[in-house]
Amino acid sequence: MQKSTRDPQLKTRWENLIATLSERFSDGADMEVEGILYLIGLQASGKVHKRLKKDDNVNLIHIGICTVLEPYGYYRFDCYDEEGWPHFELIENLPHLKAGEQSLLMKQAIVEYFLKEGVIS
């Protein structure tokens, strides 16, 4: 269920997450959603300490998106390929959302991911 843009708990958790991740990964500069999805993709792929090709960056963001939207039933983990990259199956197309609604869905999914991982509370 998508939360309202006026949800104070989501807003507070998002701000705490941004502060935590920005301090740890970007020398205090506020991280953007794509950067956070990239980190999630790195974690999910297990390629944290590997040298990556330029095209891999886009793949990592996609893996991050699939990972955070999997609990919502949009994607399901399928398998790892021969190079160790995770693959997801599209289960349900995302609904047509306005830009603000898309942003809210991603923030909510990212916050829930980091709550589950114990990074924020």
PDB file of N, CA and C in Angstrom:
ATOM      1  N   MET A   1       0.837  -1.169   0.000  1.00  0.00           N
ATOM      2  CA  MET A   1       0.000   0.000   0.000  1.00  0.00           C
ATOM      3  C   MET A   1       0.891   1.243   0.000  1.00  0.00           C
ATOM      4  N   GLN A   2       0.616   2.171  -0.889  1.00  0.00           N
ATOM      5  CA  GLN A   2       1.413   3.370  -1.004  1.00  0.00           C
ATOM      6  C   GLN A   2       0.977   4.395   0.029  1.00  0.00           C
ATOM      7  N   LYS A   3       1.952   5.004   0.667  1.00  0.00           N
ATOM      8  CA  LYS A   3       1.669   5.980   1.701  1.00  0.00           C
ATOM      9  C   LYS A   3       1.487   7.359   1.099  1.00  0.00           C
ATOM     10  N   SER A   4       0.836   8.195   1.837  1.00  0.00           N
ATOM     11  CA  SER A   4       0.598   9.568   1.427  1.00  0.00           C
ATOM     12  C   SER A   4       1.904  10.349   1.412  1.00  0.00           C
ATOM     13  N   THR A   5       1.973  11.352   0.553  1.00  0.00           N
ATOM     14  CA  THR A   5       3.151  12.215   0.515  1.00  0.00           C
ATOM     15  C   THR A   5       3.288  12.988   1.819  1.00  0.00           C
ATOM     16  N   ARG A   6       2.249  13.026   2.597  1.00  0.00           N
ATOM     17  CA  ARG A   6       2.290  13.755   3.867  1.00  0.00           C
ATOM     18  C   ARG A   6       2.560  12.833   5.055  1.00  0.00           C
ATOM     19  N   ASP A   7       2.993  11.623   4.800  1.00  0.00           N
ATOM     20  CA  ASP A   7       3.272  10.662   5.861  1.00  0.00           C
ATOM     21  C   ASP A   7       4.523  11.120   6.622  1.00  0.00           C
ATOM     22  N   PRO A   8       4.357  11.598   7.859  1.00  0.00           N
ATOM     23  CA  PRO A   8       5.515  12.123   8.589  1.00  0.00           C
ATOM     24  C   PRO A   8       6.546  11.049   8.936  1.00  0.00           C
ATOM     25  N   GLN A   9       6.092   9.808   9.186  1.00  0.00           N
ATOM     26  CA  GLN A   9       7.037   8.735   9.509  1.00  0.00           C
ATOM     27  C   GLN A   9       7.923   8.409   8.306  1.00  0.00           C
ATOM     28  N   LEU A  10       7.329   8.325   7.119  1.00  0.00           N
ATOM     29  CA  LEU A  10       8.109   8.063   5.912  1.00  0.00           C
ATOM     30  C   LEU A  10       9.088   9.209   5.670  1.00  0.00           C
ATOM     31  N   LYS A  11       8.639  10.435   5.835  1.00  0.00           N
ATOM     32  CA  LYS A  11       9.496  11.610   5.632  1.00  0.00           C
ATOM     33  C   LYS A  11      10.689  11.573   6.585  1.00  0.00           C
ATOM     34  N   THR A  12      10.436  11.290   7.856  1.00  0.00           N
ATOM     35  CA  THR A  12      11.506  11.235   8.850  1.00  0.00           C
ATOM     36  C   THR A  12      12.475  10.107   8.546  1.00  0.00           C
ATOM     37  N   ARG A  13      11.942   8.933   8.221  1.00  0.00           N
ATOM     38  CA  ARG A  13      12.811   7.791   7.902  1.00  0.00           C
ATOM     39  C   ARG A  13      13.643   8.078   6.659  1.00  0.00           C
ATOM     40  N   TRP A  14      13.039   8.699   5.639  1.00  0.00           N
ATOM     41  CA  TRP A  14      13.765   9.033   4.415  1.00  0.00           C
ATOM     42  C   TRP A  14      14.903   9.999   4.742  1.00  0.00           C
ATOM     43  N   GLU A  15      14.622  11.027   5.513  1.00  0.00           N
ATOM     44  CA  GLU A  15      15.648  12.009   5.871  1.00  0.00           C
ATOM     45  C   GLU A  15      16.778  11.350   6.667  1.00  0.00           C
ATOM     46  N   ASN A  16      16.428  10.452   7.592  1.00  0.00           N
ATOM     47  CA  ASN A  16      17.450   9.728   8.358  1.00  0.00           C
ATOM     48  C   ASN A  16      18.294   8.833   7.460  1.00  0.00           C
ATOM     49  N   LEU A  17      17.643   8.175   6.512  1.00  0.00           N
ATOM     50  CA  LEU A  17      18.362   7.310   5.579  1.00  0.00           C
ATOM     51  C   LEU A  17      19.324   8.120   4.719  1.00  0.00           C
ATOM     52  N   ILE A  18      18.850   9.236   4.184  1.00  0.00           N
ATOM     53  CA  ILE A  18      19.703  10.092   3.350  1.00  0.00           C
ATOM     54  C   ILE A  18      20.914  10.565   4.153  1.00  0.00           C
ATOM     55  N   ALA A  19      20.684  10.989   5.383  1.00  0.00           N
ATOM     56  CA  ALA A  19      21.789  11.457   6.227  1.00  0.00           C
ATOM     57  C   ALA A  19      22.792  10.334   6.471  1.00  0.00           C
ATOM     58  N   THR A  20      22.304   9.153   6.799  1.00  0.00           N
ATOM     59  CA  THR A  20      23.174   8.006   7.085  1.00  0.00           C
ATOM     60  C   THR A  20      23.991   7.609   5.862  1.00  0.00           C
ATOM     61  N   LEU A  21      23.314   7.429   4.735  1.00  0.00           N
ATOM     62  CA  LEU A  21      24.015   6.984   3.524  1.00  0.00           C
ATOM     63  C   LEU A  21      24.931   8.064   2.971  1.00  0.00           C
ATOM     64  N   SER A  22      24.497   9.314   3.035  1.00  0.00           N
ATOM     65  CA  SER A  22      25.314  10.411   2.505  1.00  0.00           C
ATOM     66  C   SER A  22      26.605  10.560   3.294  1.00  0.00           C
ATOM     67  N   GLU A  23      26.518  10.412   4.592  1.00  0.00           N
ATOM     68  CA  GLU A  23      27.718  10.516   5.422  1.00  0.00           C
ATOM     69  C   GLU A  23      28.681   9.366   5.124  1.00  0.00           C
ATOM     70  N   ARG A  24      28.115   8.194   4.908  1.00  0.00           N
ATOM     71  CA  ARG A  24      28.954   7.008   4.716  1.00  0.00           C
ATOM     72  C   ARG A  24      29.521   6.886   3.302  1.00  0.00           C
ATOM     73  N   PHE A  25      28.729   7.294   2.291  1.00  0.00           N
ATOM     74  CA  PHE A  25      29.131   7.016   0.911  1.00  0.00           C
ATOM     75  C   PHE A  25      29.408   8.235   0.033  1.00  0.00           C
ATOM     76  N   SER A  26      29.049   9.436   0.473  1.00  0.00           N
ATOM     77  CA  SER A  26      29.257  10.584  -0.428  1.00  0.00           C
ATOM     78  C   SER A  26      29.795  11.809   0.304  1.00  0.00           C
ATOM     79  N   ASP A  27      30.583  11.579   1.327  1.00  0.00           N
ATOM     80  CA  ASP A  27      31.226  12.672   2.081  1.00  0.00           C
ATOM     81  C   ASP A  27      30.237  13.748   2.514  1.00  0.00           C
ATOM     82  N   GLY A  28      29.025  13.348   2.856  1.00  0.00           N
ATOM     83  CA  GLY A  28      28.039  14.281   3.380  1.00  0.00           C
ATOM     84  C   GLY A  28      27.147  14.927   2.348  1.00  0.00           C
ATOM     85  N   ALA A  29      27.479  14.833   1.057  1.00  0.00           N
ATOM     86  CA  ALA A  29      26.601  15.391   0.014  1.00  0.00           C
ATOM     87  C   ALA A  29      25.377  14.496  -0.100  1.00  0.00           C
ATOM     88  N   ASP A  30      24.182  15.099  -0.135  1.00  0.00           N
ATOM     89  CA  ASP A  30      22.950  14.313  -0.182  1.00  0.00           C
ATOM     90  C   ASP A  30      22.933  13.376  -1.383  1.00  0.00           C
ATOM     91  N   MET A  31      22.665  12.119  -1.099  1.00  0.00           N
ATOM     92  CA  MET A  31      22.565  11.123  -2.163  1.00  0.00           C
ATOM     93  C   MET A  31      21.206  11.225  -2.840  1.00  0.00           C
ATOM     94  N   GLU A  32      21.194  10.918  -4.112  1.00  0.00           N
ATOM     95  CA  GLU A  32      19.962  10.890  -4.901  1.00  0.00           C
ATOM     96  C   GLU A  32      19.425   9.462  -4.927  1.00  0.00           C
ATOM     97  N   VAL A  33      18.172   9.322  -5.341  1.00  0.00           N
ATOM     98  CA  VAL A  33      17.524   8.009  -5.410  1.00  0.00           C
ATOM     99  C   VAL A  33      18.333   7.048  -6.277  1.00  0.00           C
ATOM    100  N   GLU A  34      18.806   7.505  -7.441  1.00  0.00           N
ATOM    101  CA  GLU A  34      19.568   6.617  -8.329  1.00  0.00           C
ATOM    102  C   GLU A  34      20.844   6.108  -7.660  1.00  0.00           C
ATOM    103  N   GLY A  35      21.510   6.959  -6.907  1.00  0.00           N
ATOM    104  CA  GLY A  35      22.718   6.548  -6.202  1.00  0.00           C
ATOM    105  C   GLY A  35      22.422   5.496  -5.152  1.00  0.00           C
ATOM    106  N   ILE A  36      21.288   5.654  -4.468  1.00  0.00           N
ATOM    107  CA  ILE A  36      20.891   4.677  -3.456  1.00  0.00           C
ATOM    108  C   ILE A  36      20.525   3.355  -4.121  1.00  0.00           C
ATOM    109  N   LEU A  37      19.809   3.417  -5.243  1.00  0.00           N
ATOM    110  CA  LEU A  37      19.471   2.194  -5.979  1.00  0.00           C
ATOM    111  C   LEU A  37      20.736   1.497  -6.476  1.00  0.00           C
ATOM    112  N   TYR A  38      21.734   2.269  -6.867  1.00  0.00           N
ATOM    113  CA  TYR A  38      23.022   1.722  -7.287  1.00  0.00           C
ATOM    114  C   TYR A  38      23.659   0.937  -6.133  1.00  0.00           C
ATOM    115  N   LEU A  39      23.656   1.534  -4.923  1.00  0.00           N
ATOM    116  CA  LEU A  39      24.207   0.845  -3.748  1.00  0.00           C
ATOM    117  C   LEU A  39      23.460  -0.451  -3.457  1.00  0.00           C
ATOM    118  N   ILE A  40      22.127  -0.391  -3.559  1.00  0.00           N
ATOM    119  CA  ILE A  40      21.316  -1.595  -3.330  1.00  0.00           C
ATOM    120  C   ILE A  40      21.656  -2.652  -4.376  1.00  0.00           C
ATOM    121  N   GLY A  41      21.809  -2.226  -5.627  1.00  0.00           N
ATOM    122  CA  GLY A  41      22.184  -3.147  -6.698  1.00  0.00           C
ATOM    123  C   GLY A  41      23.548  -3.777  -6.457  1.00  0.00           C
ATOM    124  N   LEU A  42      24.494  -2.977  -5.973  1.00  0.00           N
ATOM    125  CA  LEU A  42      25.815  -3.518  -5.636  1.00  0.00           C
ATOM    126  C   LEU A  42      25.693  -4.591  -4.567  1.00  0.00           C
ATOM    127  N   GLN A  43      24.933  -4.277  -3.528  1.00  0.00           N
ATOM    128  CA  GLN A  43      24.744  -5.218  -2.423  1.00  0.00           C
ATOM    129  C   GLN A  43      24.069  -6.497  -2.914  1.00  0.00           C
ATOM    130  N   ALA A  44      22.999  -6.341  -3.687  1.00  0.00           N
ATOM    131  CA  ALA A  44      22.227  -7.498  -4.151  1.00  0.00           C
ATOM    132  C   ALA A  44      23.024  -8.360  -5.131  1.00  0.00           C
ATOM    133  N   SER A  45      23.909  -7.736  -5.889  1.00  0.00           N
ATOM    134  CA  SER A  45      24.679  -8.480  -6.886  1.00  0.00           C
ATOM    135  C   SER A  45      25.911  -9.149  -6.289  1.00  0.00           C
ATOM    136  N   GLY A  46      26.330  -8.665  -5.136  1.00  0.00           N
ATOM    137  CA  GLY A  46      27.541  -9.205  -4.530  1.00  0.00           C
ATOM    138  C   GLY A  46      28.807  -8.755  -5.227  1.00  0.00           C
ATOM    139  N   LYS A  47      28.719  -7.714  -6.036  1.00  0.00           N
ATOM    140  CA  LYS A  47      29.876  -7.244  -6.808  1.00  0.00           C
ATOM    141  C   LYS A  47      30.500  -5.999  -6.179  1.00  0.00           C
ATOM    142  N   VAL A  48      30.428  -5.924  -4.873  1.00  0.00           N
ATOM    143  CA  VAL A  48      30.874  -4.735  -4.151  1.00  0.00           C
ATOM    144  C   VAL A  48      32.347  -4.428  -4.400  1.00  0.00           C
ATOM    145  N   HIS A  49      33.196  -5.415  -4.460  1.00  0.00           N
ATOM    146  CA  HIS A  49      34.636  -5.192  -4.588  1.00  0.00           C
ATOM    147  C   HIS A  49      35.171  -5.582  -5.964  1.00  0.00           C
ATOM    148  N   LYS A  50      34.328  -5.618  -6.947  1.00  0.00           N
ATOM    149  CA  LYS A  50      34.747  -6.003  -8.305  1.00  0.00           C
ATOM    150  C   LYS A  50      34.874  -4.764  -9.175  1.00  0.00           C
ATOM    151  N   ARG A  51      35.770  -4.846 -10.133  1.00  0.00           N
ATOM    152  CA  ARG A  51      35.900  -3.789 -11.139  1.00  0.00           C
ATOM    153  C   ARG A  51      34.771  -3.987 -12.142  1.00  0.00           C
ATOM    154  N   LEU A  52      34.006  -2.926 -12.370  1.00  0.00           N
ATOM    155  CA  LEU A  52      32.830  -3.028 -13.230  1.00  0.00           C
ATOM    156  C   LEU A  52      33.005  -2.233 -14.508  1.00  0.00           C
ATOM    157  N   LYS A  53      32.321  -2.669 -15.546  1.00  0.00           N
ATOM    158  CA  LYS A  53      32.302  -1.949 -16.814  1.00  0.00           C
ATOM    159  C   LYS A  53      31.273  -0.830 -16.738  1.00  0.00           C
ATOM    160  N   LYS A  54      31.380   0.108 -17.648  1.00  0.00           N
ATOM    161  CA  LYS A  54      30.476   1.266 -17.668  1.00  0.00           C
ATOM    162  C   LYS A  54      29.006   0.830 -17.739  1.00  0.00           C
ATOM    163  N   ASP A  55      28.693  -0.149 -18.589  1.00  0.00           N
ATOM    164  CA  ASP A  55      27.305  -0.614 -18.740  1.00  0.00           C
ATOM    165  C   ASP A  55      26.777  -1.277 -17.469  1.00  0.00           C
ATOM    166  N   ASP A  56      27.684  -1.780 -16.638  1.00  0.00           N
ATOM    167  CA  ASP A  56      27.263  -2.442 -15.409  1.00  0.00           C
ATOM    168  C   ASP A  56      26.568  -1.476 -14.454  1.00  0.00           C
ATOM    169  N   ASN A  57      26.905  -0.190 -14.521  1.00  0.00           N
ATOM    170  CA  ASN A  57      26.280   0.786 -13.631  1.00  0.00           C
ATOM    171  C   ASN A  57      24.772   0.855 -13.837  1.00  0.00           C
ATOM    172  N   VAL A  58      24.332   0.851 -15.084  1.00  0.00           N
ATOM    173  CA  VAL A  58      22.896   0.870 -15.390  1.00  0.00           C
ATOM    174  C   VAL A  58      22.254  -0.421 -14.902  1.00  0.00           C
ATOM    175  N   ASN A  59      22.948  -1.537 -15.110  1.00  0.00           N
ATOM    176  CA  ASN A  59      22.433  -2.829 -14.640  1.00  0.00           C
ATOM    177  C   ASN A  59      22.273  -2.841 -13.120  1.00  0.00           C
ATOM    178  N   LEU A  60      23.215  -2.229 -12.413  1.00  0.00           N
ATOM    179  CA  LEU A  60      23.138  -2.205 -10.955  1.00  0.00           C
ATOM    180  C   LEU A  60      21.932  -1.394 -10.472  1.00  0.00           C
ATOM    181  N   ILE A  61      21.634  -0.292 -11.129  1.00  0.00           N
ATOM    182  CA  ILE A  61      20.450   0.495 -10.776  1.00  0.00           C
ATOM    183  C   ILE A  61      19.196  -0.336 -11.022  1.00  0.00           C
ATOM    184  N   HIS A  62      19.162  -1.048 -12.143  1.00  0.00           N
ATOM    185  CA  HIS A  62      18.007  -1.911 -12.451  1.00  0.00           C
ATOM    186  C   HIS A  62      17.854  -3.009 -11.391  1.00  0.00           C
ATOM    187  N   ILE A  63      18.958  -3.612 -10.986  1.00  0.00           N
ATOM    188  CA  ILE A  63      18.920  -4.637  -9.940  1.00  0.00           C
ATOM    189  C   ILE A  63      18.402  -4.025  -8.644  1.00  0.00           C
ATOM    190  N   GLY A  64      18.834  -2.802  -8.343  1.00  0.00           N
ATOM    191  CA  GLY A  64      18.341  -2.113  -7.152  1.00  0.00           C
ATOM    192  C   GLY A  64      16.839  -1.898  -7.203  1.00  0.00           C
ATOM    193  N   ILE A  65      16.334  -1.482  -8.362  1.00  0.00           N
ATOM    194  CA  ILE A  65      14.893  -1.272  -8.537  1.00  0.00           C
ATOM    195  C   ILE A  65      14.141  -2.582  -8.334  1.00  0.00           C
ATOM    196  N   CYS A  66      14.612  -3.634  -8.983  1.00  0.00           N
ATOM    197  CA  CYS A  66      13.956  -4.947  -8.846  1.00  0.00           C
ATOM    198  C   CYS A  66      13.974  -5.423  -7.403  1.00  0.00           C
ATOM    199  N   THR A  67      15.086  -5.209  -6.725  1.00  0.00           N
ATOM    200  CA  THR A  67      15.232  -5.661  -5.347  1.00  0.00           C
ATOM    201  C   THR A  67      14.245  -4.971  -4.419  1.00  0.00           C
ATOM    202  N   VAL A  68      14.113  -3.634  -4.551  1.00  0.00           N
ATOM    203  CA  VAL A  68      13.226  -2.924  -3.627  1.00  0.00           C
ATOM    204  C   VAL A  68      11.755  -3.102  -3.982  1.00  0.00           C
ATOM    205  N   LEU A  69      11.467  -3.399  -5.257  1.00  0.00           N
ATOM    206  CA  LEU A  69      10.067  -3.576  -5.656  1.00  0.00           C
ATOM    207  C   LEU A  69       9.602  -5.030  -5.584  1.00  0.00           C
ATOM    208  N   GLU A  70      10.526  -5.953  -5.342  1.00  0.00           N
ATOM    209  CA  GLU A  70      10.152  -7.365  -5.227  1.00  0.00           C
ATOM    210  C   GLU A  70       9.113  -7.603  -4.127  1.00  0.00           C
ATOM    211  N   PRO A  71       9.255  -7.002  -2.924  1.00  0.00           N
ATOM    212  CA  PRO A  71       8.236  -7.229  -1.890  1.00  0.00           C
ATOM    213  C   PRO A  71       6.840  -6.711  -2.268  1.00  0.00           C
ATOM    214  N   TYR A  72       6.773  -5.831  -3.238  1.00  0.00           N
ATOM    215  CA  TYR A  72       5.485  -5.296  -3.692  1.00  0.00           C
ATOM    216  C   TYR A  72       4.828  -6.189  -4.744  1.00  0.00           C
ATOM    217  N   GLY A  73       5.529  -7.234  -5.159  1.00  0.00           N
ATOM    218  CA  GLY A  73       4.975  -8.173  -6.118  1.00  0.00           C
ATOM    219  C   GLY A  73       5.178  -7.805  -7.579  1.00  0.00           C
ATOM    220  N   TYR A  74       6.015  -6.800  -7.838  1.00  0.00           N
ATOM    221  CA  TYR A  74       6.265  -6.410  -9.227  1.00  0.00           C
ATOM    222  C   TYR A  74       7.335  -7.284  -9.877  1.00  0.00           C
ATOM    223  N   TYR A  75       8.305  -7.717  -9.089  1.00  0.00           N
ATOM    224  CA  TYR A  75       9.388  -8.558  -9.585  1.00  0.00           C
ATOM    225  C   TYR A  75       9.564  -9.750  -8.664  1.00  0.00           C
ATOM    226  N   ARG A  76      10.176 -10.811  -9.223  1.00  0.00           N
ATOM    227  CA  ARG A  76      10.545 -11.979  -8.436  1.00  0.00           C
ATOM    228  C   ARG A  76      11.951 -12.377  -8.869  1.00  0.00           C
ATOM    229  N   PHE A  77      12.783 -12.653  -7.891  1.00  0.00           N
ATOM    230  CA  PHE A  77      14.131 -13.125  -8.207  1.00  0.00           C
ATOM    231  C   PHE A  77      14.015 -14.414  -8.996  1.00  0.00           C
ATOM    232  N   ASP A  78      14.787 -14.521 -10.070  1.00  0.00           N
ATOM    233  CA  ASP A  78      14.741 -15.699 -10.932  1.00  0.00           C
ATOM    234  C   ASP A  78      15.980 -16.569 -10.723  1.00  0.00           C
ATOM    235  N   CYS A  79      17.165 -16.012 -11.005  1.00  0.00           N
ATOM    236  CA  CYS A  79      18.387 -16.809 -10.916  1.00  0.00           C
ATOM    237  C   CYS A  79      19.606 -15.900 -11.004  1.00  0.00           C
ATOM    238  N   TYR A  80      20.763 -16.507 -10.777  1.00  0.00           N
ATOM    239  CA  TYR A  80      22.032 -15.845 -11.059  1.00  0.00           C
ATOM    240  C   TYR A  80      22.562 -16.427 -12.366  1.00  0.00           C
ATOM    241  N   ASP A  81      23.083 -15.570 -13.237  1.00  0.00           N
ATOM    242  CA  ASP A  81      23.642 -16.083 -14.488  1.00  0.00           C
ATOM    243  C   ASP A  81      25.068 -16.593 -14.260  1.00  0.00           C
ATOM    244  N   GLU A  82      25.713 -17.040 -15.339  1.00  0.00           N
ATOM    245  CA  GLU A  82      27.041 -17.648 -15.227  1.00  0.00           C
ATOM    246  C   GLU A  82      28.097 -16.664 -14.728  1.00  0.00           C
ATOM    247  N   GLU A  83      27.838 -15.354 -14.846  1.00  0.00           N
ATOM    248  CA  GLU A  83      28.775 -14.345 -14.347  1.00  0.00           C
ATOM    249  C   GLU A  83      28.407 -13.876 -12.939  1.00  0.00           C
ATOM    250  N   GLY A  84      27.349 -14.457 -12.379  1.00  0.00           N
ATOM    251  CA  GLY A  84      26.955 -14.112 -11.023  1.00  0.00           C
ATOM    252  C   GLY A  84      25.993 -12.943 -10.902  1.00  0.00           C
ATOM    253  N   TRP A  85      25.448 -12.480 -12.030  1.00  0.00           N
ATOM    254  CA  TRP A  85      24.491 -11.368 -11.993  1.00  0.00           C
ATOM    255  C   TRP A  85      23.100 -11.902 -11.663  1.00  0.00           C
ATOM    256  N   PRO A  86      22.405 -11.250 -10.729  1.00  0.00           N
ATOM    257  CA  PRO A  86      21.032 -11.670 -10.420  1.00  0.00           C
ATOM    258  C   PRO A  86      20.080 -11.248 -11.538  1.00  0.00           C
ATOM    259  N   HIS A  87      19.102 -12.077 -11.789  1.00  0.00           N
ATOM    260  CA  HIS A  87      18.065 -11.777 -12.779  1.00  0.00           C
ATOM    261  C   HIS A  87      16.711 -11.873 -12.099  1.00  0.00           C
ATOM    262  N   PHE A  88      15.825 -10.979 -12.505  1.00  0.00           N
ATOM    263  CA  PHE A  88      14.488 -10.920 -11.933  1.00  0.00           C
ATOM    264  C   PHE A  88      13.465 -11.092 -13.034  1.00  0.00           C
ATOM    265  N   GLU A  89      12.350 -11.671 -12.669  1.00  0.00           N
ATOM    266  CA  GLU A  89      11.231 -11.849 -13.591  1.00  0.00           C
ATOM    267  C   GLU A  89      10.190 -10.776 -13.261  1.00  0.00           C
ATOM    268  N   LEU A  90       9.697 -10.114 -14.306  1.00  0.00           N
ATOM    269  CA  LEU A  90       8.625  -9.140 -14.122  1.00  0.00           C
ATOM    270  C   LEU A  90       7.338  -9.910 -13.866  1.00  0.00           C
ATOM    271  N   ILE A  91       6.707  -9.666 -12.726  1.00  0.00           N
ATOM    272  CA  ILE A  91       5.476 -10.360 -12.345  1.00  0.00           C
ATOM    273  C   ILE A  91       4.255  -9.526 -12.711  1.00  0.00           C
ATOM    274  N   GLU A  92       4.353  -8.246 -12.420  1.00  0.00           N
ATOM    275  CA  GLU A  92       3.238  -7.338 -12.688  1.00  0.00           C
ATOM    276  C   GLU A  92       3.806  -6.006 -13.138  1.00  0.00           C
ATOM    277  N   ASN A  93       3.259  -5.463 -14.224  1.00  0.00           N
ATOM    278  CA  ASN A  93       3.707  -4.157 -14.681  1.00  0.00           C
ATOM    279  C   ASN A  93       3.415  -3.103 -13.624  1.00  0.00           C
ATOM    280  N   LEU A  94       4.337  -2.181 -13.499  1.00  0.00           N
ATOM    281  CA  LEU A  94       4.107  -1.065 -12.582  1.00  0.00           C
ATOM    282  C   LEU A  94       2.918  -0.255 -13.072  1.00  0.00           C
ATOM    283  N   PRO A  95       2.127   0.262 -12.153  1.00  0.00           N
ATOM    284  CA  PRO A  95       1.002   1.091 -12.576  1.00  0.00           C
ATOM    285  C   PRO A  95       1.517   2.394 -13.181  1.00  0.00           C
ATOM    286  N   HIS A  96       0.699   3.010 -14.011  1.00  0.00           N
ATOM    287  CA  HIS A  96       1.067   4.311 -14.570  1.00  0.00           C
ATOM    288  C   HIS A  96       0.949   5.335 -13.452  1.00  0.00           C
ATOM    289  N   LEU A  97       2.084   5.925 -13.101  1.00  0.00           N
ATOM    290  CA  LEU A  97       2.125   6.882 -12.011  1.00  0.00           C
ATOM    291  C   LEU A  97       2.700   8.198 -12.509  1.00  0.00           C
ATOM    292  N   LYS A  98       2.251   9.278 -11.914  1.00  0.00           N
ATOM    293  CA  LYS A  98       2.847  10.578 -12.181  1.00  0.00           C
ATOM    294  C   LYS A  98       4.241  10.582 -11.581  1.00  0.00           C
ATOM    295  N   ALA A  99       5.080  11.514 -12.007  1.00  0.00           N
ATOM    296  CA  ALA A  99       6.470  11.560 -11.538  1.00  0.00           C
ATOM    297  C   ALA A  99       6.550  11.604 -10.014  1.00  0.00           C
ATOM    298  N   GLY A 100       5.744  12.407  -9.371  1.00  0.00           N
ATOM    299  CA  GLY A 100       5.751  12.506  -7.913  1.00  0.00           C
ATOM    300  C   GLY A 100       5.336  11.211  -7.249  1.00  0.00           C
ATOM    301  N   GLU A 101       4.376  10.509  -7.857  1.00  0.00           N
ATOM    302  CA  GLU A 101       3.924   9.224  -7.315  1.00  0.00           C
ATOM    303  C   GLU A 101       5.005   8.159  -7.474  1.00  0.00           C
ATOM    304  N   GLN A 102       5.718   8.192  -8.616  1.00  0.00           N
ATOM    305  CA  GLN A 102       6.835   7.262  -8.827  1.00  0.00           C
ATOM    306  C   GLN A 102       7.914   7.487  -7.779  1.00  0.00           C
ATOM    307  N   SER A 103       8.229   8.740  -7.558  1.00  0.00           N
ATOM    308  CA  SER A 103       9.247   9.094  -6.579  1.00  0.00           C
ATOM    309  C   SER A 103       8.842   8.617  -5.186  1.00  0.00           C
ATOM    310  N   LEU A 104       7.585   8.804  -4.835  1.00  0.00           N
ATOM    311  CA  LEU A 104       7.084   8.373  -3.534  1.00  0.00           C
ATOM    312  C   LEU A 104       7.156   6.852  -3.392  1.00  0.00           C
ATOM    313  N   LEU A 105       6.759   6.125  -4.428  1.00  0.00           N
ATOM    314  CA  LEU A 105       6.818   4.662  -4.391  1.00  0.00           C
ATOM    315  C   LEU A 105       8.256   4.199  -4.195  1.00  0.00           C
ATOM    316  N   MET A 106       9.195   4.794  -4.919  1.00  0.00           N
ATOM    317  CA  MET A 106      10.590   4.377  -4.798  1.00  0.00           C
ATOM    318  C   MET A 106      11.145   4.710  -3.416  1.00  0.00           C
ATOM    319  N   LYS A 107      10.812   5.888  -2.903  1.00  0.00           N
ATOM    320  CA  LYS A 107      11.292   6.253  -1.565  1.00  0.00           C
ATOM    321  C   LYS A 107      10.737   5.297  -0.515  1.00  0.00           C
ATOM    322  N   GLN A 108       9.460   4.996  -0.633  1.00  0.00           N
ATOM    323  CA  GLN A 108       8.833   4.067   0.311  1.00  0.00           C
ATOM    324  C   GLN A 108       9.495   2.691   0.232  1.00  0.00           C
ATOM    325  N   ALA A 109       9.715   2.197  -0.989  1.00  0.00           N
ATOM    326  CA  ALA A 109      10.330   0.875  -1.178  1.00  0.00           C
ATOM    327  C   ALA A 109      11.768   0.863  -0.665  1.00  0.00           C
ATOM    328  N   ILE A 110      12.503   1.941  -0.893  1.00  0.00           N
ATOM    329  CA  ILE A 110      13.889   2.034  -0.425  1.00  0.00           C
ATOM    330  C   ILE A 110      13.928   2.065   1.098  1.00  0.00           C
ATOM    331  N   VAL A 111      13.067   2.873   1.705  1.00  0.00           N
ATOM    332  CA  VAL A 111      13.007   2.945   3.168  1.00  0.00           C
ATOM    333  C   VAL A 111      12.690   1.564   3.745  1.00  0.00           C
ATOM    334  N   GLU A 112      11.716   0.878   3.171  1.00  0.00           N
ATOM    335  CA  GLU A 112      11.355  -0.453   3.669  1.00  0.00           C
ATOM    336  C   GLU A 112      12.516  -1.435   3.515  1.00  0.00           C
ATOM    337  N   TYR A 113      13.267  -1.329   2.418  1.00  0.00           N
ATOM    338  CA  TYR A 113      14.437  -2.182   2.218  1.00  0.00           C
ATOM    339  C   TYR A 113      15.457  -1.968   3.346  1.00  0.00           C
ATOM    340  N   PHE A 114      15.755  -0.701   3.643  1.00  0.00           N
ATOM    341  CA  PHE A 114      16.753  -0.409   4.666  1.00  0.00           C
ATOM    342  C   PHE A 114      16.241  -0.661   6.080  1.00  0.00           C
ATOM    343  N   LEU A 115      14.953  -0.585   6.287  1.00  0.00           N
ATOM    344  CA  LEU A 115      14.381  -1.007   7.574  1.00  0.00           C
ATOM    345  C   LEU A 115      14.611  -2.508   7.772  1.00  0.00           C
ATOM    346  N   LYS A 116      14.332  -3.274   6.725  1.00  0.00           N
ATOM    347  CA  LYS A 116      14.520  -4.726   6.784  1.00  0.00           C
ATOM    348  C   LYS A 116      15.986  -5.094   6.991  1.00  0.00           C
ATOM    349  N   GLU A 117      16.872  -4.311   6.389  1.00  0.00           N
ATOM    350  CA  GLU A 117      18.314  -4.569   6.514  1.00  0.00           C
ATOM    351  C   GLU A 117      18.872  -4.082   7.839  1.00  0.00           C
ATOM    352  N   GLY A 118      18.061  -3.342   8.609  1.00  0.00           N
ATOM    353  CA  GLY A 118      18.501  -2.853   9.916  1.00  0.00           C
ATOM    354  C   GLY A 118      19.381  -1.626   9.870  1.00  0.00           C
ATOM    355  N   VAL A 119      19.422  -0.938   8.730  1.00  0.00           N
ATOM    356  CA  VAL A 119      20.244   0.259   8.592  1.00  0.00           C
ATOM    357  C   VAL A 119      19.596   1.449   9.295  1.00  0.00           C
ATOM    358  N   ILE A 120      18.263   1.508   9.242  1.00  0.00           N
ATOM    359  CA  ILE A 120      17.496   2.550   9.937  1.00  0.00           C
ATOM    360  C   ILE A 120      16.404   1.879  10.739  1.00  0.00           C
ATOM    361  N   SER A 121      15.783   2.661  11.623  1.00  0.00           N
ATOM    362  CA  SER A 121      14.662   2.111  12.410  1.00  0.00           C
ATOM    363  C   SER A 121      13.487   3.073  12.402  1.00  0.00           C
TER     364      SER A 121
END
